[in-house]
Protein backbone atom coordinates (compact mmCIF):
# COMPACT_ATOMS: atom_id res chain seq x y z
CA MET A 1 0.30 -0.29 0.42
CA SER A 2 1.53 3.63 -0.92
CA ASN A 3 2.12 6.03 1.70
CA ASN A 4 2.28 8.92 -1.36
CA ARG A 5 -0.19 11.74 -0.60
CA SER A 6 -0.93 11.98 -4.17
CA ASP A 7 -2.19 8.40 -4.12
CA ALA A 8 -5.15 9.09 -2.39
CA PRO A 9 -8.15 10.03 -3.57
CA PRO A 10 -9.31 13.68 -3.88
CA GLY A 11 -11.71 14.82 -1.55
CA PRO A 12 -13.93 17.71 0.08
CA GLN A 13 -10.89 18.18 2.62
CA VAL A 14 -7.86 18.26 0.07
CA ALA A 15 -10.04 20.72 -1.68
CA ILE A 16 -10.49 22.94 1.13
CA SER A 17 -6.69 22.90 2.64
CA GLN A 18 -5.83 23.55 -1.93
CA ARG A 19 -7.68 26.88 -2.17
CA GLN A 20 -7.21 27.81 1.79
CA ALA A 21 -2.90 27.74 1.30
CA ALA A 22 -3.61 29.51 -1.90
CA GLY A 23 -6.02 32.04 -0.65
CA THR A 24 -4.02 32.62 2.85
CA ALA A 25 -0.43 32.89 0.87
CA GLY A 26 -1.61 34.66 -1.71
CA THR A 27 -3.50 37.44 0.19
CA ALA A 28 -0.65 37.80 2.50
CA TYR A 29 1.82 38.05 -0.48
CA ALA A 30 -0.58 40.77 -2.01
CA VAL A 31 -0.20 42.46 1.56
CA LEU A 32 3.63 42.37 1.97
CA ILE A 33 4.02 43.71 -1.51
CA VAL A 34 1.77 47.19 -0.84
CA LEU A 35 2.63 47.21 2.67
CA GLY A 36 6.80 46.77 0.74
CA LEU A 37 6.38 49.81 -1.19
CA VAL A 38 5.35 51.71 1.79
CA PHE A 39 8.21 50.73 3.58
CA ASN A 40 10.66 51.95 1.07
CA PHE A 41 9.23 54.68 -0.81
CA ILE A 42 8.79 56.01 3.07
CA VAL A 43 11.62 54.70 5.07
CA LEU A 44 14.45 54.26 2.67
CA GLY A 45 13.29 57.39 0.33
CA LEU A 46 13.98 59.45 3.41
CA ILE A 47 17.88 58.16 3.77
CA GLU A 48 20.53 60.73 1.71
CA PRO A 49 23.89 58.28 1.50
CA ASP A 50 27.48 59.94 3.13
CA ASP A 51 24.70 62.92 4.06
CA ALA A 52 24.57 62.66 7.84
CA ALA A 53 22.83 66.01 9.10
CA THR A 54 20.21 65.71 5.75
CA THR A 55 18.99 62.37 6.72
CA VAL A 56 18.81 63.36 10.20
CA ARG A 57 16.64 66.54 9.55
CA ASN A 58 14.25 64.23 7.04
CA ILE A 59 13.95 61.49 9.31
CA ALA A 60 13.05 64.87 11.62
CA ASP A 61 11.07 66.23 9.92
CA SER A 62 8.53 63.57 9.30
CA GLU A 63 9.06 61.58 12.23
CA ALA A 64 5.38 59.57 12.17
CA LEU A 65 5.44 58.42 9.00
CA PHE A 66 8.79 57.00 9.84
CA ARG A 67 7.59 54.95 12.31
CA THR A 68 4.61 54.33 10.59
CA GLY A 69 6.93 53.08 7.61
CA LEU A 70 8.36 50.57 10.37
CA VAL A 71 5.16 48.92 11.11
CA ALA A 72 4.44 48.70 7.65
CA PHE A 73 8.24 46.52 8.11
CA ILE A 74 6.30 44.69 10.92
CA ILE A 75 4.05 43.75 9.14
CA VAL A 76 5.25 43.07 6.18
CA LEU A 77 7.67 40.08 7.94
CA ILE A 78 4.33 38.77 9.62
CA ALA A 79 2.79 38.76 6.33
CA ASP A 80 6.02 36.66 5.24
CA ALA A 81 5.55 34.27 8.01
CA VAL A 82 2.46 33.46 6.31
CA VAL A 83 3.32 33.08 3.18
CA ALA A 84 6.15 30.23 4.04
CA TRP A 85 3.64 28.70 5.49
CA GLY A 86 1.06 28.53 3.07
CA LEU A 87 2.94 28.10 -0.17
CA TYR A 88 4.56 24.67 1.82
CA ALA A 89 1.24 23.40 2.82
CA LEU A 90 0.19 24.49 -1.20
CA PHE A 91 3.18 22.38 -2.35
CA GLN A 92 4.11 20.22 -0.04
CA ARG A 93 2.52 16.95 -2.24
CA THR A 94 4.96 18.38 -4.92
CA SER A 95 7.93 17.75 -2.73
CA ARG A 96 7.17 17.93 1.16
CA GLU A 97 11.10 17.82 1.72
CA LEU A 98 11.83 20.85 -0.61
CA SER A 99 9.17 22.95 0.19
CA ALA A 100 9.68 22.80 4.15
CA PHE A 101 13.27 23.80 2.99
CA ALA A 102 12.31 26.52 0.85
CA ALA A 103 10.21 27.40 4.20
CA TRP A 104 12.74 27.59 5.95
CA PHE A 105 14.57 29.90 4.15
CA ARG A 106 11.76 32.51 3.92
CA LEU A 107 11.75 31.97 7.81
CA LEU A 108 14.92 32.74 8.00
CA TYR A 109 14.84 35.93 5.89
CA VAL A 110 12.52 36.78 8.33
CA ALA A 111 14.17 36.61 11.58
CA ILE A 112 17.82 38.52 9.71
CA ALA A 113 15.36 40.70 8.41
CA GLY A 114 13.62 41.27 12.20
CA ALA A 115 16.72 41.54 13.26
CA ALA A 116 18.32 44.11 11.35
CA LEU A 117 15.43 46.17 12.26
CA LEU A 118 16.32 46.61 15.26
CA HIS A 119 18.87 49.14 14.09
CA LEU A 120 15.72 51.99 12.66
CA LEU A 121 13.97 51.27 15.75
CA VAL A 122 17.50 52.63 16.96
CA ALA A 123 17.59 55.26 14.88
CA ALA A 124 14.00 56.40 15.40
CA LYS A 125 15.21 57.04 19.54
CA LEU A 126 18.18 58.54 17.97
CA VAL A 127 16.70 61.57 16.33
CA ASP A 128 13.76 61.87 18.51
CA GLY A 129 16.90 63.35 21.06
CA THR A 130 15.04 62.75 23.84
CA GLY A 131 16.03 61.00 27.36
CA TYR A 132 19.72 59.80 27.76
CA THR A 133 20.24 61.00 23.68
CA ALA A 134 19.87 64.63 24.62
CA ALA A 135 23.70 64.12 26.54
CA ILE A 136 24.95 63.14 23.00
CA GLU A 137 26.17 66.33 20.91
CA GLN A 138 24.30 66.49 17.37
CA GLY A 139 26.83 65.74 15.32
CA GLN A 140 28.10 62.82 17.69
CA ARG A 141 24.12 61.51 16.98
CA ASP A 142 24.26 62.18 13.28
CA ALA A 143 26.84 59.60 12.74
CA GLN A 144 24.98 57.10 15.17
CA VAL A 145 21.97 57.40 13.33
CA MET A 146 23.82 56.81 9.80
CA SER A 147 25.87 53.75 11.69
CA SER A 148 22.29 52.48 12.84
CA LEU A 149 20.98 52.92 9.28
CA ASP A 150 23.76 51.50 7.26
CA GLY A 151 23.55 48.51 10.65
CA PHE A 152 19.94 48.05 9.04
CA LEU A 153 21.10 48.14 5.01
CA TYR A 154 23.39 45.39 5.92
CA GLY A 155 21.49 43.54 7.39
CA TRP A 156 18.25 43.24 5.33
CA ARG A 157 20.76 42.27 2.17
CA VAL A 158 22.47 39.51 4.22
CA SER A 159 18.17 38.63 4.71
CA LEU A 160 17.85 38.87 0.77
CA VAL A 161 20.41 36.41 0.21
CA ALA A 162 18.48 34.04 1.92
CA PHE A 163 14.67 35.19 0.64
CA GLY A 164 16.77 34.85 -2.52
CA VAL A 165 17.50 31.05 -1.65
CA HIS A 166 13.41 30.47 -0.80
CA LEU A 167 12.76 31.54 -4.22
CA LEU A 168 15.60 29.19 -6.11
CA LEU A 169 14.46 26.72 -3.76
CA LEU A 170 10.38 27.18 -4.10
CA GLY A 171 10.92 27.93 -8.42
CA PHE A 172 12.60 24.32 -8.81
CA VAL A 173 9.57 22.67 -6.67
CA ILE A 174 7.58 24.70 -8.80
CA VAL A 175 8.81 23.45 -12.13
CA LYS A 176 8.76 20.30 -10.91
CA SER A 177 4.94 20.12 -10.22
CA ASP A 178 2.41 18.92 -12.53
CA TYR A 179 -0.39 21.82 -11.34
CA VAL A 180 1.72 25.12 -12.11
CA PRO A 181 2.38 26.90 -14.98
CA ARG A 182 6.50 25.56 -16.10
CA THR A 183 7.01 28.87 -16.59
CA LEU A 184 5.78 30.27 -13.72
CA GLY A 185 8.49 28.49 -11.68
CA ILE A 186 11.36 29.97 -14.41
CA LEU A 187 9.85 33.44 -13.06
CA VAL A 188 10.19 32.64 -9.50
CA THR A 189 13.87 30.96 -10.14
CA LEU A 190 15.25 34.25 -12.20
CA ALA A 191 13.49 36.35 -9.28
CA GLY A 192 15.41 34.57 -6.90
CA LEU A 193 18.73 34.60 -8.80
CA GLY A 194 18.06 38.28 -8.37
CA TYR A 195 18.23 38.70 -4.74
CA VAL A 196 20.67 36.30 -4.14
CA VAL A 197 23.51 38.14 -6.81
CA SER A 198 22.49 41.59 -6.28
CA SER A 199 22.50 41.37 -1.99
CA LEU A 200 25.77 39.12 -2.10
CA ALA A 201 26.80 42.27 -4.21
CA GLY A 202 26.01 44.67 -1.52
CA VAL A 203 27.53 42.84 1.03
CA LEU A 204 31.06 41.98 -1.25
CA LEU A 205 31.42 45.59 -3.22
CA PRO A 206 32.73 48.43 -0.72
CA ASN A 207 30.90 51.34 -2.82
CA PHE A 208 28.16 49.00 -4.31
CA ASN A 209 24.94 51.58 -5.22
CA ARG A 210 22.10 50.28 -4.44
CA ASN A 211 20.04 53.26 -5.96
CA ILE A 212 21.98 52.04 -9.64
CA ALA A 213 20.72 48.43 -8.42
CA VAL A 214 16.88 48.98 -8.18
CA LEU A 215 15.53 49.34 -11.48
CA PRO A 216 17.64 46.42 -13.24
CA LEU A 217 16.75 44.21 -9.58
CA ALA A 218 13.41 45.01 -9.96
CA VAL A 219 13.37 44.38 -13.42
CA VAL A 220 14.32 40.53 -13.07
CA THR A 221 12.52 40.20 -9.73
CA VAL A 222 8.99 41.91 -9.56
CA PRO A 223 7.94 39.51 -12.72
CA GLY A 224 8.22 36.36 -10.69
CA GLU A 225 6.36 37.76 -7.05
CA PHE A 226 3.81 39.60 -8.68
CA ALA A 227 3.11 36.66 -11.17
CA LEU A 228 3.10 33.91 -8.09
CA THR A 229 0.59 36.22 -6.06
CA GLY A 230 -1.39 36.22 -9.03
CA TRP A 231 -1.81 32.30 -9.47
CA LEU A 232 -1.87 32.24 -5.45
CA LEU A 233 -5.06 34.23 -5.39
CA TRP A 234 -6.31 32.80 -8.69
CA ARG A 235 -5.93 29.31 -7.91
CA ALA A 236 -7.73 30.07 -4.85
CA GLY A 237 -10.27 31.83 -7.12
CA ARG A 238 -10.30 28.34 -9.10
CA GLU A 239 -10.95 26.44 -6.13
CA THR A 240 -14.20 28.23 -5.08
CA SER A 241 -15.65 28.60 -7.75
CA ARG A 242 -15.77 24.24 -8.57
CA ARG A 243 -17.24 24.07 -5.16
């Protein structure tokens, strides 16, 4: 008697499980994409490389928006954890081991990015200039803010290496599956490769310019992640229409 789950006859519980997994992952992915854009434009948009005084002034003038961006990033990380669960639940019938491996790499990304976020909270405290930070001379405080921001950016780049590996593994699982378009798997794999190469370049190259790399990275990564989100939502809707 085979223990392969794919040999089991289809039933209502399997359909509900697949629909819920796709719908949950797709919805969470859509949320994190929107809030990720908010974070990038609000928080990272305030940073002026090599200009501590201007960066601190930008954050001080938009402190409420800056903190809102931090909250958005926290929600993004929670949504990422939900996506990791949903994708594992959806693709485990193709390869339980690879799906679990991919999910763990996405959770590793969440953990590293969450740790990096602490640097932004420290930066917000320094910019606020209240309490013990008031005893720090302004020039030194500006330098410490930039150091905290750099700490976040480096931590985030390391986390994106793990995220890229997640997408590489997920793309391989999708290509292996018989119920997802192979093209989607290729796009997701390319997105993963883009994240890995770009993030490692940011770590290895001391003069790496993040702003110059944004457009090429987006060209490689956006189609895969947007297509995956759309397919997940479509899959959930299709399963619902069958009921």
